[in-house]
N, C-alpha and C. Protein backbone atom coordinates (compact mmCIF):
# COMPACT_ATOMS: atom_id res chain seq x y z
N MET A 1 53.76 -35.00 -5.08
CA MET A 1 53.69 -33.45 -4.44
C MET A 1 53.05 -33.01 -5.43
N ARG A 2 53.44 -32.67 -6.63
CA ARG A 2 53.03 -32.27 -7.70
C ARG A 2 51.41 -32.60 -8.25
N LYS A 3 50.80 -33.93 -7.89
CA LYS A 3 49.66 -34.13 -8.33
C LYS A 3 48.58 -33.59 -6.96
N ALA A 4 49.41 -33.60 -6.19
CA ALA A 4 48.88 -32.99 -4.70
C ALA A 4 48.38 -31.70 -5.12
N ILE A 5 49.31 -30.92 -5.59
CA ILE A 5 48.88 -29.44 -5.42
C ILE A 5 48.02 -29.42 -6.65
N ILE A 6 47.99 -30.01 -7.79
CA ILE A 6 47.03 -29.87 -8.88
C ILE A 6 45.96 -30.40 -8.31
N THR A 7 45.66 -31.56 -7.68
CA THR A 7 44.72 -31.64 -7.14
C THR A 7 43.69 -30.55 -6.43
N PHE A 8 44.45 -30.38 -5.27
CA PHE A 8 44.30 -29.12 -4.71
C PHE A 8 43.34 -28.11 -5.16
N ALA A 9 44.42 -27.49 -6.47
CA ALA A 9 43.93 -26.45 -7.11
C ALA A 9 42.53 -26.91 -7.97
N LEU A 10 42.41 -28.05 -8.34
CA LEU A 10 41.07 -28.34 -9.26
C LEU A 10 40.17 -28.46 -8.22
N LEU A 11 40.22 -29.03 -7.03
CA LEU A 11 38.99 -29.21 -5.98
C LEU A 11 38.69 -27.21 -5.67
N SER A 12 40.01 -26.54 -5.27
CA SER A 12 39.46 -25.32 -5.05
C SER A 12 38.80 -24.66 -5.81
N SER A 13 39.17 -24.78 -6.94
CA SER A 13 38.45 -23.81 -8.18
C SER A 13 36.92 -24.52 -8.28
N ILE A 14 36.91 -25.78 -8.00
CA ILE A 14 35.70 -26.43 -8.08
C ILE A 14 34.59 -25.77 -6.97
N LEU A 15 35.32 -25.78 -5.74
CA LEU A 15 34.23 -25.29 -4.77
C LEU A 15 34.18 -23.78 -4.79
N LEU A 16 35.17 -22.86 -5.09
CA LEU A 16 35.06 -21.67 -5.58
C LEU A 16 33.93 -21.21 -6.28
N SER A 17 33.66 -21.87 -7.58
CA SER A 17 33.15 -21.73 -8.60
C SER A 17 31.26 -22.42 -8.04
N GLY A 18 31.46 -23.23 -7.14
CA GLY A 18 30.22 -23.72 -6.60
C GLY A 18 29.48 -22.43 -5.62
N CYS A 19 30.54 -21.90 -4.78
CA CYS A 19 30.05 -20.90 -3.99
C CYS A 19 29.38 -19.53 -5.09
N SER A 20 30.17 -19.50 -6.12
CA SER A 20 29.66 -18.40 -6.94
C SER A 20 28.34 -18.45 -7.55
N ILE A 21 28.04 -20.14 -7.61
CA ILE A 21 26.78 -20.32 -8.29
C ILE A 21 25.58 -20.03 -6.95
N LEU A 22 25.82 -20.61 -5.78
CA LEU A 22 25.29 -20.44 -4.78
C LEU A 22 25.08 -18.81 -4.28
N ASP A 23 25.99 -17.74 -4.57
CA ASP A 23 25.72 -16.65 -4.33
C ASP A 23 24.72 -16.20 -5.46
N GLU A 24 24.96 -16.60 -6.75
CA GLU A 24 23.79 -15.94 -7.64
C GLU A 24 22.31 -16.55 -7.42
N VAL A 25 22.34 -17.76 -6.74
CA VAL A 25 20.87 -18.34 -6.42
C VAL A 25 20.42 -17.58 -5.30
N ASN A 26 21.34 -17.16 -4.41
CA ASN A 26 20.87 -16.31 -3.45
C ASN A 26 20.49 -14.76 -3.76
N SER A 27 21.10 -14.36 -4.46
CA SER A 27 21.05 -13.38 -5.02
C SER A 27 19.67 -12.97 -5.93
N SER A 28 19.09 -14.12 -6.49
CA SER A 28 18.29 -14.24 -7.46
C SER A 28 17.08 -14.09 -6.38
N LEU A 29 17.25 -14.96 -5.47
CA LEU A 29 15.93 -15.22 -4.46
C LEU A 29 15.62 -14.10 -3.72
N GLU A 30 16.93 -13.09 -2.94
CA GLU A 30 16.55 -11.59 -2.37
C GLU A 30 16.05 -11.10 -3.65
N TYR A 31 16.18 -10.69 -4.80
CA TYR A 31 15.81 -10.04 -5.72
C TYR A 31 14.27 -10.40 -6.19
N VAL A 32 13.90 -11.82 -5.75
CA VAL A 32 12.52 -11.96 -6.31
C VAL A 32 11.86 -11.54 -5.17
N ASN A 33 12.39 -11.42 -3.91
CA ASN A 33 11.47 -11.32 -2.65
C ASN A 33 11.13 -10.02 -2.91
N GLU A 34 12.42 -8.94 -3.06
CA GLU A 34 12.27 -7.33 -3.03
C GLU A 34 11.36 -7.09 -3.82
N ALA A 35 11.45 -7.92 -5.06
CA ALA A 35 10.88 -7.14 -6.56
C ALA A 35 9.12 -7.75 -6.11
N THR A 36 8.82 -8.96 -5.48
CA THR A 36 7.37 -9.39 -4.81
C THR A 36 6.88 -8.32 -4.03
N GLU A 37 7.50 -7.78 -3.02
CA GLU A 37 7.25 -6.92 -2.18
C GLU A 37 6.90 -5.62 -2.68
N HIS A 38 7.44 -5.36 -3.77
CA HIS A 38 7.57 -3.95 -4.63
C HIS A 38 6.20 -3.85 -5.10
N ILE A 39 5.94 -5.15 -6.03
CA ILE A 39 4.62 -5.56 -6.86
C ILE A 39 3.34 -5.61 -5.61
N ASN A 40 3.62 -5.94 -4.21
CA ASN A 40 2.48 -6.03 -3.68
C ASN A 40 2.40 -4.63 -3.12
N THR A 41 3.41 -3.93 -3.09
CA THR A 41 2.74 -2.69 -2.86
C THR A 41 2.04 -2.08 -3.62
N TRP A 42 2.24 -2.18 -4.74
CA TRP A 42 1.26 -1.76 -6.13
C TRP A 42 0.08 -2.08 -5.67
N GLN A 43 0.00 -3.37 -5.53
CA GLN A 43 -1.47 -4.05 -5.84
C GLN A 43 -2.38 -3.70 -4.83
N ASP A 44 -1.65 -3.51 -3.53
CA ASP A 44 -2.06 -2.95 -2.30
C ASP A 44 -2.84 -1.39 -2.72
N PHE A 45 -1.69 -0.64 -3.16
CA PHE A 45 -2.15 0.64 -3.41
C PHE A 45 -3.53 0.58 -4.71
N GLY A 46 -3.28 -0.14 -5.47
CA GLY A 46 -4.15 -0.38 -6.63
C GLY A 46 -5.75 -0.55 -6.00
N GLU A 47 -5.88 -1.40 -5.13
CA GLU A 47 -7.01 -1.92 -4.25
C GLU A 47 -7.57 -0.74 -3.63
N GLU A 48 -6.45 0.33 -2.50
CA GLU A 48 -6.81 0.84 -1.75
C GLU A 48 -7.33 2.67 -2.34
N ALA A 49 -6.62 2.74 -4.00
CA ALA A 49 -6.64 3.85 -4.21
C ALA A 49 -8.03 4.67 -4.56
N PRO A 50 -8.91 3.82 -5.40
CA PRO A 50 -10.17 4.41 -5.65
C PRO A 50 -11.32 4.92 -4.34
N GLN A 51 -11.08 4.13 -3.21
CA GLN A 51 -11.66 5.09 -2.02
C GLN A 51 -10.92 5.59 -1.40
N MET A 52 -9.69 5.98 -1.68
CA MET A 52 -8.54 7.31 -0.86
C MET A 52 -8.91 8.29 -1.78
N ILE A 53 -9.39 8.19 -3.11
CA ILE A 53 -9.50 9.51 -3.84
C ILE A 53 -10.89 9.78 -3.96
N GLN A 54 -11.79 9.12 -3.43
CA GLN A 54 -13.05 9.47 -3.27
C GLN A 54 -13.20 10.16 -1.90
N GLU A 55 -12.84 9.47 -0.87
CA GLU A 55 -12.89 10.07 0.50
C GLU A 55 -12.11 11.46 0.42
N ALA A 56 -11.06 11.45 -0.44
CA ALA A 56 -10.28 12.76 -0.58
C ALA A 56 -10.94 14.05 -1.11
N ALA A 57 -12.25 13.67 -2.05
CA ALA A 57 -12.65 14.66 -2.77
C ALA A 57 -13.73 15.46 -1.93
N THR A 58 -13.93 14.85 -0.34
CA THR A 58 -14.97 15.59 0.19
C THR A 58 -13.82 15.68 1.61
N ASP A 59 -13.50 15.35 1.78
CA ASP A 59 -12.27 15.24 3.51
C ASP A 59 -10.75 15.84 3.25
N ALA A 60 -10.57 16.61 3.80
CA ALA A 60 -9.12 17.33 3.56
C ALA A 60 -8.14 16.57 4.05
N ASN A 61 -8.36 15.96 5.47
CA ASN A 61 -7.57 14.78 5.80
C ASN A 61 -7.21 13.83 4.84
N ALA A 62 -8.33 13.25 4.35
CA ALA A 62 -8.12 12.00 3.20
C ALA A 62 -7.06 12.54 2.42
N LYS A 63 -7.38 13.51 1.89
CA LYS A 63 -6.70 14.24 0.66
C LYS A 63 -5.19 14.15 1.02
N GLU A 64 -5.20 14.43 2.27
CA GLU A 64 -3.53 14.92 3.11
C GLU A 64 -2.94 13.46 2.99
N GLU A 65 -3.65 12.67 3.28
CA GLU A 65 -3.54 10.99 3.51
C GLU A 65 -2.85 10.48 2.24
N LEU A 66 -3.72 10.64 1.07
CA LEU A 66 -3.63 10.43 -0.25
C LEU A 66 -2.44 10.74 -0.53
N GLU A 67 -2.10 12.47 -0.58
CA GLU A 67 -0.91 13.06 -0.76
C GLU A 67 0.66 12.56 -0.43
N THR A 68 0.11 11.89 1.08
CA THR A 68 1.41 11.23 1.69
C THR A 68 1.75 10.25 1.03
N ARG A 69 0.89 8.93 1.04
CA ARG A 69 0.75 7.92 0.35
C ARG A 69 1.52 8.09 -1.10
N LEU A 70 1.02 9.15 -1.79
CA LEU A 70 2.02 9.22 -2.89
C LEU A 70 2.96 9.50 -3.09
N ASN A 71 3.47 10.32 -2.52
CA ASN A 71 4.75 10.79 -2.05
C ASN A 71 5.66 9.55 -1.66
N GLU A 72 5.11 8.87 -0.69
CA GLU A 72 5.92 7.69 0.11
C GLU A 72 6.04 6.87 -1.36
N LEU A 73 4.99 6.71 -2.29
CA LEU A 73 5.58 5.42 -3.55
C LEU A 73 6.21 6.12 -4.45
N LEU A 74 6.23 7.67 -4.59
CA LEU A 74 7.46 8.09 -5.50
C LEU A 74 8.68 7.77 -4.72
N VAL A 75 9.14 7.42 -3.37
CA VAL A 75 10.17 7.09 -2.99
C VAL A 75 10.45 5.91 -3.15
N GLU A 76 9.43 4.97 -3.15
CA GLU A 76 9.36 3.58 -3.18
C GLU A 76 9.82 3.26 -4.82
N ILE A 77 9.45 3.79 -5.50
CA ILE A 77 10.10 3.72 -6.54
C ILE A 77 11.44 4.20 -7.31
N GLU A 78 11.77 5.16 -6.60
CA GLU A 78 13.31 5.50 -6.34
C GLU A 78 14.01 4.31 -6.28
N GLU A 79 13.89 3.81 -4.66
CA GLU A 79 14.53 3.10 -4.22
C GLU A 79 14.60 1.45 -4.86
N PHE A 80 13.24 1.04 -5.53
CA PHE A 80 13.34 -0.21 -6.15
C PHE A 80 14.08 0.43 -7.57
N ASN A 81 13.74 0.99 -7.90
CA ASN A 81 14.61 1.43 -9.31
C ASN A 81 16.25 1.40 -9.26
N GLY A 82 16.76 1.75 -8.06
CA GLY A 82 18.12 1.90 -8.10
C GLY A 82 18.42 0.30 -7.46
N THR A 83 17.67 -0.65 -7.31
CA THR A 83 18.08 -1.92 -7.19
C THR A 83 18.86 -2.53 -8.04
N GLU A 84 19.85 -3.34 -7.68
CA GLU A 84 20.81 -3.88 -8.75
C GLU A 84 20.23 -5.57 -8.89
N ALA A 85 19.79 -5.93 -9.99
CA ALA A 85 19.13 -6.73 -10.09
C ALA A 85 20.07 -8.00 -10.58
N PRO A 86 20.01 -9.30 -10.22
CA PRO A 86 21.09 -10.35 -10.65
C PRO A 86 20.69 -10.29 -12.26
N ALA A 87 21.89 -11.22 -12.72
CA ALA A 87 21.77 -11.45 -14.56
C ALA A 87 20.64 -12.03 -14.74
N ILE A 88 20.11 -13.20 -14.17
CA ILE A 88 18.84 -13.91 -14.65
C ILE A 88 17.83 -12.90 -14.51
N ALA A 89 17.65 -11.58 -13.61
CA ALA A 89 16.45 -10.93 -13.21
C ALA A 89 16.49 -9.65 -14.31
N GLU A 90 17.60 -9.59 -15.00
CA GLU A 90 17.56 -8.18 -15.59
C GLU A 90 16.29 -7.67 -16.56
N SER A 91 16.11 -8.53 -17.48
CA SER A 91 14.94 -8.11 -18.11
C SER A 91 13.87 -8.00 -17.41
N VAL A 92 13.42 -8.62 -16.67
CA VAL A 92 12.26 -8.60 -15.77
C VAL A 92 12.42 -6.89 -14.78
N HIS A 93 13.45 -6.96 -14.03
CA HIS A 93 13.83 -5.81 -13.46
C HIS A 93 13.51 -4.44 -14.67
N GLN A 94 14.13 -4.68 -15.61
CA GLN A 94 14.09 -3.54 -16.64
C GLN A 94 12.41 -2.96 -16.86
N GLN A 95 11.67 -4.22 -17.37
CA GLN A 95 10.15 -4.03 -17.40
C GLN A 95 9.40 -3.24 -16.07
N ILE A 96 9.79 -3.76 -15.04
CA ILE A 96 9.22 -3.11 -14.06
C ILE A 96 9.89 -1.59 -13.78
N VAL A 97 10.64 -1.20 -13.77
CA VAL A 97 11.56 0.04 -13.83
C VAL A 97 10.71 0.80 -14.88
N GLU A 98 10.69 0.45 -16.08
CA GLU A 98 10.15 1.13 -17.03
C GLU A 98 8.18 1.25 -16.96
N LYS A 99 7.41 0.38 -15.99
CA LYS A 99 6.24 0.64 -15.64
C LYS A 99 6.38 1.75 -14.27
N ASN A 100 7.49 1.54 -13.30
CA ASN A 100 7.54 2.58 -12.44
C ASN A 100 7.72 3.92 -12.79
N GLU A 101 8.51 4.26 -14.16
CA GLU A 101 9.00 5.76 -14.65
C GLU A 101 7.36 6.03 -15.03
N GLN A 102 6.33 5.11 -15.76
CA GLN A 102 5.45 5.65 -15.90
C GLN A 102 4.43 6.17 -15.06
N ILE A 103 4.46 5.07 -13.92
CA ILE A 103 3.50 5.49 -12.80
C ILE A 103 3.93 6.78 -12.30
N LYS A 104 5.49 6.95 -12.33
CA LYS A 104 5.95 8.10 -11.29
C LYS A 104 5.45 9.29 -12.33
N GLY A 105 5.49 9.41 -13.68
CA GLY A 105 4.99 10.49 -14.41
C GLY A 105 3.71 10.88 -14.11
N VAL A 106 2.63 9.66 -14.09
CA VAL A 106 1.37 9.72 -13.90
C VAL A 106 1.36 10.67 -12.44
N ILE A 107 1.68 10.36 -11.40
CA ILE A 107 1.69 10.87 -9.89
C ILE A 107 2.35 12.32 -10.14
N GLU A 108 3.54 12.52 -10.86
CA GLU A 108 4.15 13.60 -10.68
C GLU A 108 2.90 14.71 -11.60
N ASN A 109 2.34 14.27 -12.32
CA ASN A 109 1.62 15.01 -13.28
C ASN A 109 0.25 15.28 -12.61
N ALA A 110 -0.23 14.72 -11.86
CA ALA A 110 -1.41 14.74 -10.89
C ALA A 110 -1.02 15.69 -9.39
N MET A 111 0.20 15.85 -9.33
CA MET A 111 0.59 16.48 -7.97
C MET A 111 0.80 18.15 -8.75
N VAL A 112 0.05 19.06 -8.30
CA VAL A 112 0.46 20.83 -8.50
C VAL A 112 0.63 21.08 -7.37
N ASP A 113 2.03 21.75 -7.11
CA ASP A 113 2.29 22.11 -5.86
C ASP A 113 2.20 21.55 -4.75
N GLY A 114 2.50 20.40 -4.97
CA GLY A 114 2.72 19.47 -3.65
C GLY A 114 1.41 19.00 -3.37
N GLU A 115 0.68 19.61 -4.07
CA GLU A 115 -0.86 19.13 -3.71
C GLU A 115 -1.67 17.89 -4.92
N VAL A 116 -2.45 17.22 -4.60
CA VAL A 116 -3.15 16.14 -5.59
C VAL A 116 -3.85 16.95 -6.09
N ALA A 117 -4.06 16.73 -7.70
CA ALA A 117 -4.99 17.16 -8.42
C ALA A 117 -5.92 16.28 -8.67
N LEU A 118 -7.13 15.66 -7.75
CA LEU A 118 -7.85 14.51 -7.67
C LEU A 118 -8.15 14.10 -9.17
N GLU A 119 -8.93 15.31 -10.23
CA GLU A 119 -9.53 14.94 -11.22
C GLU A 119 -8.18 14.49 -12.35
N LYS A 120 -7.19 14.62 -12.02
CA LYS A 120 -6.05 14.51 -13.34
C LYS A 120 -5.53 13.06 -12.89
N LEU A 121 -5.97 12.63 -11.32
CA LEU A 121 -5.06 11.48 -10.77
C LEU A 121 -6.51 10.28 -11.56
N GLN A 122 -7.76 10.81 -11.15
CA GLN A 122 -9.04 9.71 -11.77
C GLN A 122 -8.73 9.47 -12.96
N ASP A 123 -8.44 10.59 -13.72
CA ASP A 123 -8.33 10.67 -15.38
C ASP A 123 -7.16 10.10 -15.94
N SER A 124 -6.25 9.93 -15.14
CA SER A 124 -5.21 9.14 -15.60
C SER A 124 -5.26 7.70 -15.74
N GLU A 125 -4.12 6.90 -16.44
CA GLU A 125 -3.74 5.84 -16.53
C GLU A 125 -3.41 4.90 -15.44
N LEU A 126 -3.31 5.54 -14.29
CA LEU A 126 -2.73 5.11 -13.42
C LEU A 126 -3.23 3.65 -13.02
N TYR A 127 -4.46 3.34 -12.81
CA TYR A 127 -4.80 1.94 -12.63
C TYR A 127 -4.59 0.97 -13.72
N THR A 128 -4.74 1.28 -15.22
CA THR A 128 -4.12 0.27 -15.99
C THR A 128 -2.54 0.23 -15.59
N LEU A 129 -1.69 1.10 -15.61
CA LEU A 129 -0.07 0.77 -15.38
C LEU A 129 -0.06 0.16 -13.97
N ILE A 130 -0.87 0.21 -13.08
CA ILE A 130 -0.59 -0.61 -11.64
C ILE A 130 -0.92 -1.92 -12.06
N ASN A 131 -2.23 -2.28 -12.67
CA ASN A 131 -2.43 -3.59 -13.16
C ASN A 131 -1.53 -4.29 -13.85
N GLU A 132 -0.73 -3.32 -15.03
CA GLU A 132 0.42 -4.00 -15.70
C GLU A 132 1.45 -4.45 -14.85
N VAL A 133 1.82 -3.44 -13.84
CA VAL A 133 3.11 -4.13 -12.85
C VAL A 133 2.65 -5.58 -12.37
N THR A 134 1.37 -5.44 -11.82
CA THR A 134 0.97 -6.40 -10.94
C THR A 134 0.81 -8.07 -11.83
N THR A 135 0.68 -7.55 -13.05
CA THR A 135 0.85 -8.92 -14.09
C THR A 135 2.30 -9.37 -14.13
N MET A 136 3.26 -8.47 -13.71
CA MET A 136 4.57 -9.15 -13.93
C MET A 136 5.16 -9.85 -12.45
N MET A 137 4.24 -10.48 -11.81
CA MET A 137 4.18 -10.91 -10.72
C MET A 137 4.71 -12.69 -11.27
N ASN A 138 3.89 -12.75 -12.20
CA ASN A 138 4.09 -14.17 -13.12
C ASN A 138 5.49 -14.52 -13.34
N LEU A 139 6.02 -13.41 -13.81
CA LEU A 139 7.58 -13.40 -14.31
C LEU A 139 8.46 -13.86 -13.31
N LEU A 140 8.11 -12.77 -11.95
CA LEU A 140 8.88 -13.09 -10.45
C LEU A 140 8.98 -14.73 -10.34
N GLU A 141 7.66 -15.24 -10.52
CA GLU A 141 7.08 -16.58 -9.85
C GLU A 141 8.44 -17.35 -10.79
N GLU A 142 8.05 -17.01 -11.86
CA GLU A 142 9.09 -17.96 -12.97
C GLU A 142 10.71 -17.92 -12.15
N LEU A 143 10.85 -16.90 -12.17
CA LEU A 143 12.47 -16.53 -11.36
C LEU A 143 12.59 -17.32 -10.20
N GLY A 144 11.76 -17.60 -9.22
CA GLY A 144 12.12 -17.91 -7.95
C GLY A 144 11.49 -19.38 -8.18
N SER A 145 11.25 -19.87 -9.12
CA SER A 145 11.22 -21.47 -9.18
C SER A 145 12.48 -22.22 -9.59
């Protein structure tokens, strides 16, 4: 009877630790997917932004669309930065959060009374920072494999 109880306890602990590992793997994959989506958002904006800024210089509606997009990106930054990263991804997450904060600063600096100051945005390091964020995709791919 005693052997049966000990065997049952050992099997239970092995199964529970296996579930814990599976949970960590699932959590890591979910994080990689979320971070990849976040980086893709920046990559898309980086491709669209030059044209949006150029159009905003001569079209009030385009400027309003740009302002709306920038405000959406600020919300995206806050949401992503609040994401809890699994232990295996903490370093990558911290790097993305740091770049997000720099981008947030650039966007906020380019906004004056809720309106975008196009020259400030054009003269900023926004594109450089976006490129730096998108290069982190390689780190995520390593985590996902």
